[in-house]
PDB file of all heavy atoms in Angstrom:
ATOM      1  N   LEU A   1     148.119 124.708  12.976  1.00  0.00           N
ATOM      2  CA  LEU A   1     148.456 124.675  14.398  1.00  0.00           C
ATOM      3  C   LEU A   1     148.103 125.959  15.147  1.00  0.00           C
ATOM      4  O   LEU A   1     147.523 125.889  16.246  1.00  0.00           O
ATOM      5  CB  LEU A   1     149.940 124.339  14.565  1.00  0.00           C
ATOM      6  CG  LEU A   1     150.432 124.103  15.993  1.00  0.00           C
ATOM      7  CD1 LEU A   1     149.559 123.087  16.714  1.00  0.00           C
ATOM      8  CD2 LEU A   1     151.883 123.649  15.984  1.00  0.00           C
ATOM      9  N   PRO A   2     148.408 127.163  14.624  1.00  0.00           N
ATOM     10  CA  PRO A   2     148.014 128.379  15.363  1.00  0.00           C
ATOM     11  C   PRO A   2     146.499 128.477  15.581  1.00  0.00           C
ATOM     12  O   PRO A   2     146.047 128.907  16.652  1.00  0.00           O
ATOM     13  CB  PRO A   2     148.522 129.509  14.463  1.00  0.00           C
ATOM     14  CG  PRO A   2     149.632 128.894  13.670  1.00  0.00           C
ATOM     15  CD  PRO A   2     149.208 127.485  13.429  1.00  0.00           C
ATOM     16  N   MET A   3     145.716 128.058  14.602  1.00  0.00           N
ATOM     17  CA  MET A   3     144.264 128.089  14.744  1.00  0.00           C
ATOM     18  C   MET A   3     143.791 127.069  15.780  1.00  0.00           C
ATOM     19  O   MET A   3     142.853 127.317  16.547  1.00  0.00           O
ATOM     20  CB  MET A   3     143.600 127.837  13.393  1.00  0.00           C
ATOM     21  CG  MET A   3     143.740 128.977  12.411  1.00  0.00           C
ATOM     22  SD  MET A   3     142.972 128.621  10.799  1.00  0.00           S
ATOM     23  CE  MET A   3     144.313 127.725  10.013  1.00  0.00           C
ATOM     24  N   LEU A   4     144.441 125.910  15.796  1.00  0.00           N
ATOM     25  CA  LEU A   4     144.091 124.889  16.780  1.00  0.00           C
ATOM     26  C   LEU A   4     144.342 125.402  18.194  1.00  0.00           C
ATOM     27  O   LEU A   4     143.495 125.246  19.083  1.00  0.00           O
ATOM     28  CB  LEU A   4     144.899 123.616  16.528  1.00  0.00           C
ATOM     29  CG  LEU A   4     144.754 122.506  17.573  1.00  0.00           C
ATOM     30  CD1 LEU A   4     143.356 121.912  17.534  1.00  0.00           C
ATOM     31  CD2 LEU A   4     145.798 121.408  17.359  1.00  0.00           C
ATOM     32  N   VAL A   5     145.503 126.013  18.413  1.00  0.00           N
ATOM     33  CA  VAL A   5     145.834 126.548  19.736  1.00  0.00           C
ATOM     34  C   VAL A   5     144.827 127.621  20.143  1.00  0.00           C
ATOM     35  O   VAL A   5     144.351 127.650  21.286  1.00  0.00           O
ATOM     36  CB  VAL A   5     147.267 127.106  19.737  1.00  0.00           C
ATOM     37  CG1 VAL A   5     147.551 127.860  21.036  1.00  0.00           C
ATOM     38  CG2 VAL A   5     148.288 125.982  19.547  1.00  0.00           C
ATOM     39  N   ALA A   6     144.483 128.505  19.211  1.00  0.00           N
ATOM     40  CA  ALA A   6     143.568 129.609  19.506  1.00  0.00           C
ATOM     41  C   ALA A   6     142.178 129.110  19.892  1.00  0.00           C
ATOM     42  O   ALA A   6     141.496 129.734  20.715  1.00  0.00           O
ATOM     43  CB  ALA A   6     143.478 130.544  18.299  1.00  0.00           C
ATOM     44  N   ARG A   7     141.731 127.996  19.336  1.00  0.00           N
ATOM     45  CA  ARG A   7     140.398 127.477  19.651  1.00  0.00           C
ATOM     46  C   ARG A   7     140.403 126.492  20.811  1.00  0.00           C
ATOM     47  O   ARG A   7     139.459 126.459  21.609  1.00  0.00           O
ATOM     48  CB  ARG A   7     139.803 126.800  18.410  1.00  0.00           C
ATOM     49  CG  ARG A   7     139.304 127.782  17.380  1.00  0.00           C
ATOM     50  CD  ARG A   7     138.665 127.064  16.205  1.00  0.00           C
ATOM     51  NE  ARG A   7     137.543 126.215  16.588  1.00  0.00           N
ATOM     52  CZ  ARG A   7     136.854 125.486  15.716  1.00  0.00           C
ATOM     53  NH1 ARG A   7     137.174 125.514  14.412  1.00  0.00           N
ATOM     54  NH2 ARG A   7     135.842 124.745  16.118  1.00  0.00           N
ATOM     55  N   LEU A   8     141.454 125.689  20.919  1.00  0.00           N
ATOM     56  CA  LEU A   8     141.458 124.627  21.920  1.00  0.00           C
ATOM     57  C   LEU A   8     141.777 125.138  23.320  1.00  0.00           C
ATOM     58  O   LEU A   8     141.164 124.695  24.300  1.00  0.00           O
ATOM     59  CB  LEU A   8     142.460 123.545  21.512  1.00  0.00           C
ATOM     60  CG  LEU A   8     142.547 122.303  22.402  1.00  0.00           C
ATOM     61  CD1 LEU A   8     141.185 121.647  22.554  1.00  0.00           C
ATOM     62  CD2 LEU A   8     143.558 121.306  21.833  1.00  0.00           C
ATOM     63  N   ARG A   9     142.689 126.089  23.440  1.00  0.00           N
ATOM     64  CA  ARG A   9     143.076 126.529  24.780  1.00  0.00           C
ATOM     65  C   ARG A   9     141.920 127.149  25.560  1.00  0.00           C
ATOM     66  O   ARG A   9     141.735 126.808  26.750  1.00  0.00           O
ATOM     67  CB  ARG A   9     144.260 127.492  24.703  1.00  0.00           C
ATOM     68  CG  ARG A   9     144.745 127.881  26.096  1.00  0.00           C
ATOM     69  CD  ARG A   9     146.036 128.640  26.116  1.00  0.00           C
ATOM     70  NE  ARG A   9     146.489 128.839  27.488  1.00  0.00           N
ATOM     71  CZ  ARG A   9     147.617 129.442  27.829  1.00  0.00           C
ATOM     72  NH1 ARG A   9     148.426 129.910  26.881  1.00  0.00           N
ATOM     73  NH2 ARG A   9     147.949 129.580  29.112  1.00  0.00           N
ATOM     74  N   PRO A  10     141.124 128.042  24.980  1.00  0.00           N
ATOM     75  CA  PRO A  10     139.993 128.577  25.758  1.00  0.00           C
ATOM     76  C   PRO A  10     139.018 127.503  26.219  1.00  0.00           C
ATOM     77  O   PRO A  10     138.452 127.596  27.315  1.00  0.00           O
ATOM     78  CB  PRO A  10     139.327 129.551  24.779  1.00  0.00           C
ATOM     79  CG  PRO A  10     140.388 129.917  23.808  1.00  0.00           C
ATOM     80  CD  PRO A  10     141.235 128.701  23.666  1.00  0.00           C
ATOM     81  N   VAL A  11     138.829 126.475  25.390  1.00  0.00           N
ATOM     82  CA  VAL A  11     137.925 125.383  25.770  1.00  0.00           C
ATOM     83  C   VAL A  11     138.461 124.650  26.988  1.00  0.00           C
ATOM     84  O   VAL A  11     137.737 124.397  27.961  1.00  0.00           O
ATOM     85  CB  VAL A  11     137.739 124.406  24.594  1.00  0.00           C
ATOM     86  CG1 VAL A  11     136.967 123.167  25.044  1.00  0.00           C
ATOM     87  CG2 VAL A  11     137.001 125.077  23.446  1.00  0.00           C
ATOM     88  N   LEU A  12     139.747 124.305  26.964  1.00  0.00           N
ATOM     89  CA  LEU A  12     140.335 123.540  28.064  1.00  0.00           C
ATOM     90  C   LEU A  12     140.491 124.388  29.323  1.00  0.00           C
ATOM     91  O   LEU A  12     140.250 123.905  30.434  1.00  0.00           O
ATOM     92  CB  LEU A  12     141.686 122.965  27.622  1.00  0.00           C
ATOM     93  CG  LEU A  12     141.633 121.984  26.448  1.00  0.00           C
ATOM     94  CD1 LEU A  12     143.024 121.467  26.110  1.00  0.00           C
ATOM     95  CD2 LEU A  12     140.699 120.819  26.748  1.00  0.00           C
ATOM     96  N   ASP A  13     140.884 125.645  29.153  1.00  0.00           N
ATOM     97  CA  ASP A  13     140.995 126.522  30.325  1.00  0.00           C
ATOM     98  C   ASP A  13     139.635 126.737  30.980  1.00  0.00           C
ATOM     99  O   ASP A  13     139.539 126.899  32.203  1.00  0.00           O
ATOM    100  CB  ASP A  13     141.584 127.874  29.916  1.00  0.00           C
ATOM    101  CG  ASP A  13     143.084 127.796  29.616  1.00  0.00           C
ATOM    102  OD1 ASP A  13     143.716 126.792  30.001  1.00  0.00           O
ATOM    103  OD2 ASP A  13     143.614 128.729  28.989  1.00  0.00           O
ATOM    104  N   GLY A  14     138.584 126.720  30.192  1.00  0.00           N
ATOM    105  CA  GLY A  14     137.244 126.952  30.719  1.00  0.00           C
ATOM    106  C   GLY A  14     136.639 125.766  31.444  1.00  0.00           C
ATOM    107  O   GLY A  14     135.564 125.892  32.046  1.00  0.00           O
ATOM    108  N   LEU A  15     137.296 124.623  31.415  1.00  0.00           N
ATOM    109  CA  LEU A  15     136.757 123.436  32.079  1.00  0.00           C
ATOM    110  C   LEU A  15     136.889 123.500  33.597  1.00  0.00           C
ATOM    111  O   LEU A  15     136.213 122.766  34.314  1.00  0.00           O
ATOM    112  CB  LEU A  15     137.481 122.181  31.574  1.00  0.00           C
ATOM    113  CG  LEU A  15     137.162 121.720  30.156  1.00  0.00           C
ATOM    114  CD1 LEU A  15     138.073 120.557  29.766  1.00  0.00           C
ATOM    115  CD2 LEU A  15     135.706 121.296  30.039  1.00  0.00           C
ATOM    116  N   ASP A  16     137.813 124.329  34.080  1.00  0.00           N
ATOM    117  CA  ASP A  16     138.092 124.409  35.513  1.00  0.00           C
ATOM    118  C   ASP A  16     138.522 123.047  36.052  1.00  0.00           C
ATOM    119  O   ASP A  16     138.136 122.633  37.153  1.00  0.00           O
ATOM    120  CB  ASP A  16     136.863 124.935  36.278  1.00  0.00           C
ATOM    121  CG  ASP A  16     137.226 125.401  37.689  1.00  0.00           C
ATOM    122  OD1 ASP A  16     138.399 125.779  37.892  1.00  0.00           O
ATOM    123  OD2 ASP A  16     136.362 125.372  38.575  1.00  0.00           O
ATOM    124  N   GLU A  17     139.298 122.328  35.236  1.00  0.00           N
ATOM    125  CA  GLU A  17     139.850 121.026  35.609  1.00  0.00           C
ATOM    126  C   GLU A  17     141.338 121.024  35.261  1.00  0.00           C
ATOM    127  O   GLU A  17     141.766 121.681  34.308  1.00  0.00           O
ATOM    128  CB  GLU A  17     139.169 119.890  34.826  1.00  0.00           C
ATOM    129  CG  GLU A  17     137.661 119.842  34.928  1.00  0.00           C
ATOM    130  CD  GLU A  17     137.189 118.909  36.034  1.00  0.00           C
ATOM    131  OE1 GLU A  17     138.021 118.541  36.885  1.00  0.00           O
ATOM    132  OE2 GLU A  17     135.996 118.578  36.044  1.00  0.00           O
ATOM    133  N   ALA A  18     142.126 120.295  36.042  1.00  0.00           N
ATOM    134  CA  ALA A  18     143.528 120.110  35.679  1.00  0.00           C
ATOM    135  C   ALA A  18     143.597 119.281  34.401  1.00  0.00           C
ATOM    136  O   ALA A  18     142.922 118.250  34.285  1.00  0.00           O
ATOM    137  CB  ALA A  18     144.277 119.415  36.811  1.00  0.00           C
ATOM    138  N   TYR A  19     144.379 119.729  33.440  1.00  0.00           N
ATOM    139  CA  TYR A  19     144.437 119.024  32.157  1.00  0.00           C
ATOM    140  C   TYR A  19     145.838 119.075  31.573  1.00  0.00           C
ATOM    141  O   TYR A  19     146.699 119.849  32.022  1.00  0.00           O
ATOM    142  CB  TYR A  19     143.441 119.635  31.171  1.00  0.00           C
ATOM    143  CG  TYR A  19     143.835 121.010  30.649  1.00  0.00           C
ATOM    144  CD1 TYR A  19     144.676 121.141  29.533  1.00  0.00           C
ATOM    145  CD2 TYR A  19     143.369 122.165  31.252  1.00  0.00           C
ATOM    146  CE1 TYR A  19     145.045 122.393  29.060  1.00  0.00           C
ATOM    147  CE2 TYR A  19     143.726 123.419  30.786  1.00  0.00           C
ATOM    148  CZ  TYR A  19     144.557 123.528  29.687  1.00  0.00           C
ATOM    149  OH  TYR A  19     144.934 124.765  29.222  1.00  0.00           O
ATOM    150  N   GLU A  20     146.055 118.250  30.579  1.00  0.00           N
ATOM    151  CA  GLU A  20     147.262 118.317  29.761  1.00  0.00           C
ATOM    152  C   GLU A  20     146.849 118.153  28.305  1.00  0.00           C
ATOM    153  O   GLU A  20     145.947 117.379  27.980  1.00  0.00           O
ATOM    154  CB  GLU A  20     148.273 117.231  30.142  1.00  0.00           C
ATOM    155  CG  GLU A  20     147.828 115.810  29.856  1.00  0.00           C
ATOM    156  CD  GLU A  20     148.908 114.760  30.114  1.00  0.00           C
ATOM    157  OE1 GLU A  20     150.048 115.125  30.453  1.00  0.00           O
ATOM    158  OE2 GLU A  20     148.586 113.546  29.972  1.00  0.00           O
ATOM    159  N   LEU A  21     147.490 118.926  27.450  1.00  0.00           N
ATOM    160  CA  LEU A  21     147.321 118.742  26.013  1.00  0.00           C
ATOM    161  C   LEU A  21     148.554 118.019  25.517  1.00  0.00           C
ATOM    162  O   LEU A  21     149.666 118.552  25.571  1.00  0.00           O
ATOM    163  CB  LEU A  21     147.175 120.087  25.299  1.00  0.00           C
ATOM    164  CG  LEU A  21     147.216 120.026  23.771  1.00  0.00           C
ATOM    165  CD1 LEU A  21     146.079 119.158  23.229  1.00  0.00           C
ATOM    166  CD2 LEU A  21     147.157 121.415  23.164  1.00  0.00           C
ATOM    167  N   LEU A  22     148.376 116.790  25.062  1.00  0.00           N
ATOM    168  CA  LEU A  22     149.485 115.956  24.625  1.00  0.00           C
ATOM    169  C   LEU A  22     149.539 115.967  23.099  1.00  0.00           C
ATOM    170  O   LEU A  22     148.781 115.270  22.430  1.00  0.00           O
ATOM    171  CB  LEU A  22     149.304 114.533  25.157  1.00  0.00           C
ATOM    172  CG  LEU A  22     150.401 113.515  24.851  1.00  0.00           C
ATOM    173  CD1 LEU A  22     151.770 114.045  25.262  1.00  0.00           C
ATOM    174  CD2 LEU A  22     150.116 112.204  25.551  1.00  0.00           C
ATOM    175  N   ALA A  23     150.437 116.793  22.557  1.00  0.00           N
ATOM    176  CA  ALA A  23     150.606 116.882  21.112  1.00  0.00           C
ATOM    177  C   ALA A  23     151.629 115.841  20.674  1.00  0.00           C
ATOM    178  O   ALA A  23     152.797 115.898  21.083  1.00  0.00           O
ATOM    179  CB  ALA A  23     151.074 118.280  20.719  1.00  0.00           C
ATOM    180  N   VAL A  24     151.204 114.892  19.859  1.00  0.00           N
ATOM    181  CA  VAL A  24     152.090 113.830  19.375  1.00  0.00           C
ATOM    182  C   VAL A  24     152.592 114.227  17.992  1.00  0.00           C
ATOM    183  O   VAL A  24     151.852 114.158  17.009  1.00  0.00           O
ATOM    184  CB  VAL A  24     151.364 112.474  19.319  1.00  0.00           C
ATOM    185  CG1 VAL A  24     152.338 111.376  18.880  1.00  0.00           C
ATOM    186  CG2 VAL A  24     150.750 112.136  20.670  1.00  0.00           C
ATOM    187  N   ASP A  25     153.843 114.664  17.942  1.00  0.00           N
ATOM    188  CA  ASP A  25     154.447 115.068  16.675  1.00  0.00           C
ATOM    189  C   ASP A  25     154.940 113.813  15.955  1.00  0.00           C
ATOM    190  O   ASP A  25     155.944 113.218  16.330  1.00  0.00           O
ATOM    191  CB  ASP A  25     155.598 116.033  16.936  1.00  0.00           C
ATOM    192  CG  ASP A  25     156.267 116.507  15.654  1.00  0.00           C
ATOM    193  OD1 ASP A  25     155.741 116.194  14.566  1.00  0.00           O
ATOM    194  OD2 ASP A  25     157.309 117.167  15.737  1.00  0.00           O
TER     195      ASP A  25
END
């Protein structure tokens, strides 16, 4: 999970689009 957050957040923040990350536990 920490590695996923570290890689996924920069990708989504860089889209310049409103987004949500829906983590289904």
